[in-house]
Protein backbone atom coordinates (compact mmCIF):
# COMPACT_ATOMS: atom_id res chain seq x y z
CA UNK A 1 -31.41 -9.92 10.12
CA UNK A 2 -27.98 -7.72 9.48
CA UNK A 3 -27.51 -3.81 10.32
CA UNK A 4 -24.75 -1.73 8.30
CA UNK A 5 -23.79 1.07 9.92
CA UNK A 6 -22.22 4.07 6.84
CA UNK A 7 -24.81 3.63 4.64
CA UNK A 8 -24.37 7.04 3.15
CA UNK A 9 -20.60 6.37 2.87
CA UNK A 10 -18.93 3.96 -0.34
CA UNK A 11 -18.43 0.98 1.67
CA UNK A 12 -21.54 0.88 3.74
CA UNK A 13 -23.80 1.76 1.07
CA UNK A 14 -22.70 -0.44 -1.26
CA UNK A 15 -22.05 -3.32 1.03
CA UNK A 16 -25.70 -2.66 2.08
CA UNK A 17 -26.48 -3.34 -1.84
CA UNK A 18 -24.26 -6.46 -1.55
CA UNK A 19 -26.73 -8.35 1.26
CA UNK A 20 -29.88 -7.14 -0.11
CA UNK A 21 -29.24 -9.28 -3.10
CA UNK A 22 -28.90 -12.23 -1.14
CA UNK A 23 -31.95 -14.31 -0.87
CA UNK A 24 -30.68 -16.41 2.57
CA UNK A 25 -30.39 -12.83 4.51
CA UNK A 26 -34.11 -12.48 5.88
CA UNK A 27 -33.83 -8.34 6.18
CA UNK A 28 -30.73 -5.96 5.75
CA UNK A 29 -31.42 -2.55 7.58
CA UNK A 30 -28.97 0.49 6.56
CA UNK A 31 -28.11 3.28 9.26
CA UNK A 32 -26.85 6.47 8.95
CA UNK A 33 -27.44 10.19 10.61
CA UNK A 34 -27.68 11.25 7.07
CA UNK A 35 -30.07 10.23 4.30
CA UNK A 36 -28.36 8.62 1.18
CA UNK A 37 -28.43 9.83 -2.05
CA UNK A 38 -31.27 8.71 -4.32
CA UNK A 39 -29.02 6.32 -6.40
CA UNK A 40 -27.60 4.72 -3.31
CA UNK A 41 -30.86 4.49 -2.28
CA UNK A 42 -32.28 2.74 -5.43
CA UNK A 43 -28.81 0.41 -5.28
CA UNK A 44 -29.78 -0.77 -2.01
CA UNK A 45 -33.11 -2.48 -3.23
CA UNK A 46 -35.13 -4.27 -0.63
CA UNK A 47 -32.82 -2.97 2.18
CA UNK A 48 -34.29 -0.97 4.60
CA UNK A 49 -32.93 2.36 5.68
CA UNK A 50 -33.34 4.13 8.87
CA UNK A 51 -31.94 7.54 9.60
CA UNK A 52 -30.03 6.98 13.12
CA UNK A 53 -27.05 8.38 14.90
CA UNK A 54 -25.32 5.98 16.23
CA UNK A 55 -23.82 8.30 19.07
CA UNK A 56 -27.78 8.26 20.25
CA UNK A 57 -28.93 5.91 22.42
CA UNK A 58 -32.02 5.15 20.13
CA UNK A 59 -29.68 2.87 18.00
CA UNK A 60 -30.29 0.28 20.82
CA UNK A 61 -33.81 0.30 19.73
CA UNK A 62 -33.44 -0.10 16.23
CA UNK A 63 -31.28 -3.36 16.93
CA UNK A 64 -33.90 -4.65 19.25
CA UNK A 65 -36.86 -3.73 17.30
CA UNK A 66 -35.52 -5.37 13.78
CA UNK A 67 -34.23 -8.89 16.13
CA UNK A 68 -30.88 -7.81 14.51
CA UNK A 69 -28.16 -10.68 14.91
CA UNK A 70 -25.45 -9.09 12.50
CA UNK A 71 -24.24 -5.59 13.08
CA UNK A 72 -21.51 -4.20 10.59
CA UNK A 73 -19.57 -1.19 11.88
CA UNK A 74 -18.71 0.43 8.86
CA UNK A 75 -19.04 3.91 9.63
CA UNK A 76 -15.74 5.62 11.19
CA UNK A 77 -14.60 8.48 9.18
CA UNK A 78 -11.04 9.30 7.92
CA UNK A 79 -11.98 12.77 6.95
CA UNK A 80 -12.95 16.05 9.28
CA UNK A 81 -16.28 16.87 8.72
CA UNK A 82 -17.17 20.27 6.81
CA UNK A 83 -19.32 21.33 10.25
CA UNK A 84 -16.68 20.38 12.58
CA UNK A 85 -12.88 20.12 13.44
CA UNK A 86 -10.74 17.31 15.03
CA UNK A 87 -13.01 16.75 18.07
CA UNK A 88 -15.87 16.19 16.30
CA UNK A 89 -14.33 13.63 13.92
CA UNK A 90 -13.11 11.31 17.29
CA UNK A 91 -16.91 12.14 19.08
CA UNK A 92 -18.10 10.54 15.68
CA UNK A 93 -15.49 7.74 15.45
CA UNK A 94 -15.01 6.75 19.15
CA UNK A 95 -18.19 7.94 20.87
CA UNK A 96 -20.53 6.12 18.14
CA UNK A 97 -18.54 3.39 18.40
CA UNK A 98 -18.76 2.54 21.65
CA UNK A 99 -22.81 3.73 21.98
CA UNK A 100 -22.98 1.16 19.10
CA UNK A 101 -21.17 -1.23 20.91
CA UNK A 102 -22.82 -0.90 24.05
CA UNK A 103 -26.35 -1.61 22.36
CA UNK A 104 -25.07 -4.63 20.70
CA UNK A 105 -24.02 -5.96 24.47
CA UNK A 106 -27.43 -5.12 25.76
CA UNK A 107 -28.95 -6.71 22.59
CA UNK A 108 -29.99 -10.68 23.29
CA UNK A 109 -30.54 -11.35 19.85
CA UNK A 110 -26.91 -10.05 18.61
CA UNK A 111 -24.42 -13.15 17.46
CA UNK A 112 -21.88 -11.38 15.31
CA UNK A 113 -20.05 -8.14 14.71
CA UNK A 114 -17.88 -7.16 11.75
CA UNK A 115 -15.93 -4.19 12.13
CA UNK A 116 -14.23 -2.36 9.43
CA UNK A 117 -10.78 -1.04 10.69
CA UNK A 118 -7.52 0.12 8.98
CA UNK A 119 -3.77 -0.67 8.17
CA UNK A 120 -3.61 2.76 9.27
CA UNK A 121 -3.21 1.28 13.69
CA UNK A 122 0.37 -0.14 12.57
CA UNK A 123 1.50 3.34 11.63
CA UNK A 124 4.56 4.04 9.58
CA UNK A 125 8.14 3.94 9.92
CA UNK A 126 11.79 3.51 9.49
CA UNK A 127 11.88 0.78 11.81
CA UNK A 128 9.10 -1.27 10.70
CA UNK A 129 9.11 -4.87 9.34
CA UNK A 130 8.91 -6.05 6.01
CA UNK A 131 5.49 -7.12 6.57
CA UNK A 132 3.12 -6.47 9.65
CA UNK A 133 1.47 -9.23 11.43
CA UNK A 134 -1.97 -9.31 13.29
CA UNK A 135 0.12 -9.52 16.07
CA UNK A 136 2.51 -6.79 15.47
CA UNK A 137 2.50 -3.48 17.42
CA UNK A 138 3.20 -0.20 15.68
CA UNK A 139 6.90 1.04 16.20
CA UNK A 140 5.84 4.59 16.13
CA UNK A 141 2.26 4.53 17.10
CA UNK A 142 -0.45 6.79 15.33
CA UNK A 143 -0.70 10.26 17.02
CA UNK A 144 -4.00 11.46 15.95
CA UNK A 145 -6.81 11.43 13.49
CA UNK A 146 -8.45 8.06 11.85
CA UNK A 147 -5.43 5.86 12.60
CA UNK A 148 -5.58 7.07 16.75
CA UNK A 149 -9.43 6.55 16.78
CA UNK A 150 -9.04 3.05 14.99
CA UNK A 151 -7.03 1.33 17.45
CA UNK A 152 -9.49 2.83 20.24
CA UNK A 153 -12.81 1.24 18.10
CA UNK A 154 -10.67 -1.95 17.98
CA UNK A 155 -10.49 -1.95 21.96
CA UNK A 156 -14.11 -1.39 22.24
CA UNK A 157 -14.56 -4.20 19.83
CA UNK A 158 -12.38 -6.93 21.80
CA UNK A 159 -14.16 -5.76 25.15
CA UNK A 160 -17.26 -6.28 23.85
CA UNK A 161 -16.38 -10.01 22.54
CA UNK A 162 -15.22 -10.20 26.25
CA UNK A 163 -18.07 -9.31 28.04
CA UNK A 164 -20.51 -10.97 25.29
CA UNK A 165 -18.50 -14.11 24.40
CA UNK A 166 -21.50 -15.59 22.56
CA UNK A 167 -20.56 -12.78 20.01
CA UNK A 168 -18.25 -13.40 17.26
CA UNK A 169 -16.33 -10.20 16.92
CA UNK A 170 -14.44 -9.88 13.19
CA UNK A 171 -12.18 -7.14 12.92
CA UNK A 172 -10.93 -6.42 9.49
CA UNK A 173 -8.17 -4.14 9.10
CA UNK A 174 -8.22 -3.03 5.55
CA UNK A 175 -4.98 -2.01 3.77
CA UNK A 176 -5.15 1.68 1.91
CA UNK A 177 -7.80 1.48 -0.56
CA UNK A 178 -8.01 2.25 -4.35
CA UNK A 179 -10.13 2.21 -7.15
CA UNK A 180 -12.14 4.07 -9.87
CA UNK A 181 -15.01 5.08 -7.82
CA UNK A 182 -13.96 5.47 -4.28
CA UNK A 183 -12.53 8.96 -3.01
CA UNK A 184 -9.81 8.82 -0.49
CA UNK A 185 -6.90 10.75 0.65
CA UNK A 186 -4.24 8.45 -1.29
CA UNK A 187 -6.74 8.92 -4.12
CA UNK A 188 -6.80 12.33 -4.33
CA UNK A 189 -2.99 12.72 -3.50
CA UNK A 190 -2.06 10.58 -6.80
CA UNK A 191 -4.62 12.41 -8.88
CA UNK A 192 -3.01 15.75 -9.10
CA UNK A 193 -0.78 16.49 -11.83
CA UNK A 194 2.24 17.40 -9.58
CA UNK A 195 2.65 14.91 -6.44
CA UNK A 196 4.62 16.12 -3.70
CA UNK A 197 6.86 13.43 -2.31
CA UNK A 198 9.29 13.33 0.40
CA UNK A 199 13.15 13.74 -0.96
CA UNK A 200 15.14 10.45 -0.39
CA UNK A 201 12.13 8.59 0.74
CA UNK A 202 9.95 5.81 -1.88
CA UNK A 203 7.40 4.65 0.42
CA UNK A 204 6.46 0.77 -0.13
CA UNK A 205 2.20 0.49 -0.84
CA UNK A 206 0.35 -2.42 -0.52
CA UNK A 207 -3.09 -1.52 -1.71
CA UNK A 208 -6.80 -3.16 -1.48
CA UNK A 209 -9.44 -2.61 -4.53
CA UNK A 210 -12.51 -0.86 -3.26
CA UNK A 211 -14.37 -3.85 -4.86
CA UNK A 212 -11.89 -6.43 -3.07
CA UNK A 213 -12.99 -4.30 0.32
CA UNK A 214 -16.68 -4.92 -0.28
CA UNK A 215 -16.24 -8.16 -0.91
CA UNK A 216 -14.15 -9.06 2.11
CA UNK A 217 -16.80 -7.09 4.37
CA UNK A 218 -19.22 -9.30 2.39
CA UNK A 219 -17.16 -12.26 3.49
CA UNK A 220 -16.96 -11.25 7.04
CA UNK A 221 -21.04 -11.20 7.26
CA UNK A 222 -21.83 -14.47 5.74
CA UNK A 223 -18.91 -16.98 5.94
CA UNK A 224 -16.36 -15.18 8.59
CA UNK A 225 -15.17 -15.75 12.10
CA UNK A 226 -14.14 -14.41 14.76
CA UNK A 227 -10.65 -12.61 14.93
CA UNK A 228 -8.25 -9.83 13.42
CA UNK A 229 -7.52 -9.98 10.25
CA UNK A 230 -5.32 -8.19 8.14
CA UNK A 231 -6.92 -7.85 4.58
CA UNK A 232 -4.65 -6.58 1.30
CA UNK A 233 -3.80 -7.58 -2.23
CA UNK A 234 -0.78 -9.37 -3.02
CA UNK A 235 2.72 -7.46 -4.02
CA UNK A 236 3.61 -3.96 -3.25
CA UNK A 237 4.07 -1.17 -5.53
CA UNK A 238 6.91 1.58 -4.52
CA UNK A 239 5.36 5.40 -4.23
CA UNK A 240 7.90 6.32 -7.49
CA UNK A 241 6.49 3.52 -9.55
CA UNK A 242 2.85 4.22 -8.71
CA UNK A 243 3.48 8.34 -9.77
CA UNK A 244 5.13 6.78 -12.85
CA UNK A 245 2.26 4.77 -14.03
CA UNK A 246 -0.28 7.46 -12.94
CA UNK A 247 1.61 9.69 -15.59
CA UNK A 248 2.12 12.11 -12.48
CA UNK A 249 4.93 14.55 -12.11
CA UNK A 250 7.29 13.80 -8.71
CA UNK A 251 8.36 16.98 -6.65
CA UNK A 252 10.69 15.49 -3.82
CA UNK A 253 10.89 17.93 -1.15
CA UNK A 254 11.85 17.95 2.64
CA UNK A 255 8.74 16.62 4.64
CA UNK A 256 8.63 20.00 6.45
CA UNK A 257 8.07 21.46 2.98
CA UNK A 258 5.22 19.24 2.56
CA UNK A 259 3.61 20.35 5.90
CA UNK A 260 4.05 24.04 4.71
CA UNK A 261 2.45 23.66 1.88
CA UNK A 262 -0.62 22.04 2.95
CA UNK A 263 -1.83 22.71 6.23
CA UNK A 264 -4.37 19.13 6.06
CA UNK A 265 -1.19 16.79 5.58
CA UNK A 266 -0.58 15.03 9.51
CA UNK A 267 2.71 13.83 10.56
CA UNK A 268 0.93 10.29 10.27
CA UNK A 269 0.36 10.89 6.49
CA UNK A 270 3.85 12.25 6.16
CA UNK A 271 5.36 9.16 7.79
CA UNK A 272 3.16 7.10 5.38
CA UNK A 273 4.24 8.90 2.03
CA UNK A 274 7.93 8.00 3.18
CA UNK A 275 7.82 4.71 4.50
CA UNK A 276 4.06 3.28 3.56
CA UNK A 277 3.31 -0.12 4.91
CA UNK A 278 2.86 -3.59 4.13
CA UNK A 279 0.83 -6.36 5.93
CA UNK A 280 1.26 -10.08 5.91
CA UNK A 281 -1.89 -11.33 4.94
CA UNK A 282 -1.32 -15.73 5.37
CA UNK A 283 -3.87 -15.29 8.62
CA UNK A 284 -6.73 -13.94 5.84
CA UNK A 285 -6.23 -16.87 3.24
CA UNK A 286 -5.91 -19.89 5.87
CA UNK A 287 -8.46 -18.79 8.68
CA UNK A 288 -10.70 -16.05 7.32
CA UNK A 289 -10.95 -18.14 4.01
CA UNK A 290 -11.12 -14.98 1.79
CA UNK A 291 -8.41 -13.81 -1.18
CA UNK A 292 -8.67 -10.84 -3.01
CA UNK A 293 -9.33 -10.76 -6.68
CA UNK A 294 -6.84 -7.62 -7.67
CA UNK A 295 -3.25 -7.52 -6.92
CA UNK A 296 -1.94 -4.09 -5.80
CA UNK A 297 -0.59 -3.35 -8.96
CA UNK A 298 -4.17 -4.47 -10.88
CA UNK A 299 -5.68 -2.38 -8.18
CA UNK A 300 -3.87 0.77 -9.03
CA UNK A 301 -4.02 0.42 -12.70
CA UNK A 302 -7.52 -0.06 -12.39
CA UNK A 303 -8.03 3.15 -10.71
CA UNK A 304 -5.48 4.94 -13.16
CA UNK A 305 -8.07 3.56 -16.19
CA UNK A 306 -11.26 4.55 -14.15
CA UNK A 307 -9.75 7.96 -13.10
CA UNK A 308 -9.07 8.85 -16.85
CA UNK A 309 -5.60 10.04 -15.47
CA UNK A 310 -3.28 10.93 -18.60
CA UNK A 311 0.16 11.10 -18.65
CA UNK A 312 1.32 15.05 -17.85
CA UNK A 313 4.27 14.39 -20.32
CA UNK A 314 4.77 11.92 -22.95
CA UNK A 315 6.05 8.46 -21.07
CA UNK A 316 8.19 7.92 -24.36
CA UNK A 317 10.22 11.38 -23.87
CA UNK A 318 10.65 10.41 -20.02
CA UNK A 319 11.97 6.80 -20.99
CA UNK A 320 14.14 8.52 -23.60
CA UNK A 321 15.79 10.83 -21.10
CA UNK A 322 16.07 8.65 -18.44
CA UNK A 323 17.82 6.03 -20.53
CA UNK A 324 20.20 8.98 -21.66
CA UNK A 325 20.99 9.57 -18.00
CA UNK A 326 22.13 6.15 -17.64
CA UNK A 327 24.05 6.18 -20.74
CA UNK A 328 25.55 9.51 -19.14
CA UNK A 329 26.55 7.93 -15.72
CA UNK A 330 28.20 4.92 -17.21
CA UNK A 331 30.27 6.60 -19.42
CA UNK A 332 31.21 9.04 -16.11
CA UNK A 333 31.70 6.12 -14.13
CA UNK A 334 34.11 4.15 -16.77
């Protein structure tokens, strides 16, 4: 019996649909404070939807009444809800996780908890290692928002594992996700005709295709093992390369200028756009037994195709200008 939180979100809803297709899973319960769209409910098939706010103790009754043995927490939000500010987001994320894990601790049937976490807990800075391992700590810890909440949520999940050692807790730190269907801050940032960038910086991006993110969560449910695992695709793409491949136009500016033109951009996001982030995924393959199907480059190109992004400028013209600039530089330097 599997319970999935965040049924209205992309990952929670589509994961529920995947699990409902597995004949060896007796029952799938989808939970959210809001009702999913008709299309999502149809995709969920035989899964049962229960409208419940995980911040409410009622979630414990749901877990007990359905004899749930596996809980997937995929409800943590990375964006501020329309009806509230940062305080509301923190309450949704942190207080919701606290209540959910308390309910798991009190339920004797629960044996496995899978937590969707994020690579954002590592932060981004000029002093980062080439690749973060699961034992690495952030050189510049996140100061606010989803990343800060995720650090707290992971702490509560590990606390559950200590108090109930019979519950296997699997924490999946997903790299920044991208794909044709999933709406993320990164996909929106790269979709505009002009992409503001940090002057003098070229961030290293390790991505994860949306379908691989679903695959990792599904694997955590059916064949995962306890522990904390980085989940990211092979290879990296530089920010400048991503902008060129999507046919956008880069607009370099100072970090302060970027904050001034958009009040929604946080300091942590500016750091990410400056330096990026790359994780070591050896443990993902060797211990978790999972391997993404898409590389970082393939995931990004699928996003470009799926969103129908067309070049703002003719690529042939751009190449011609680059060649002339290189030739001029070589002549001046000789």
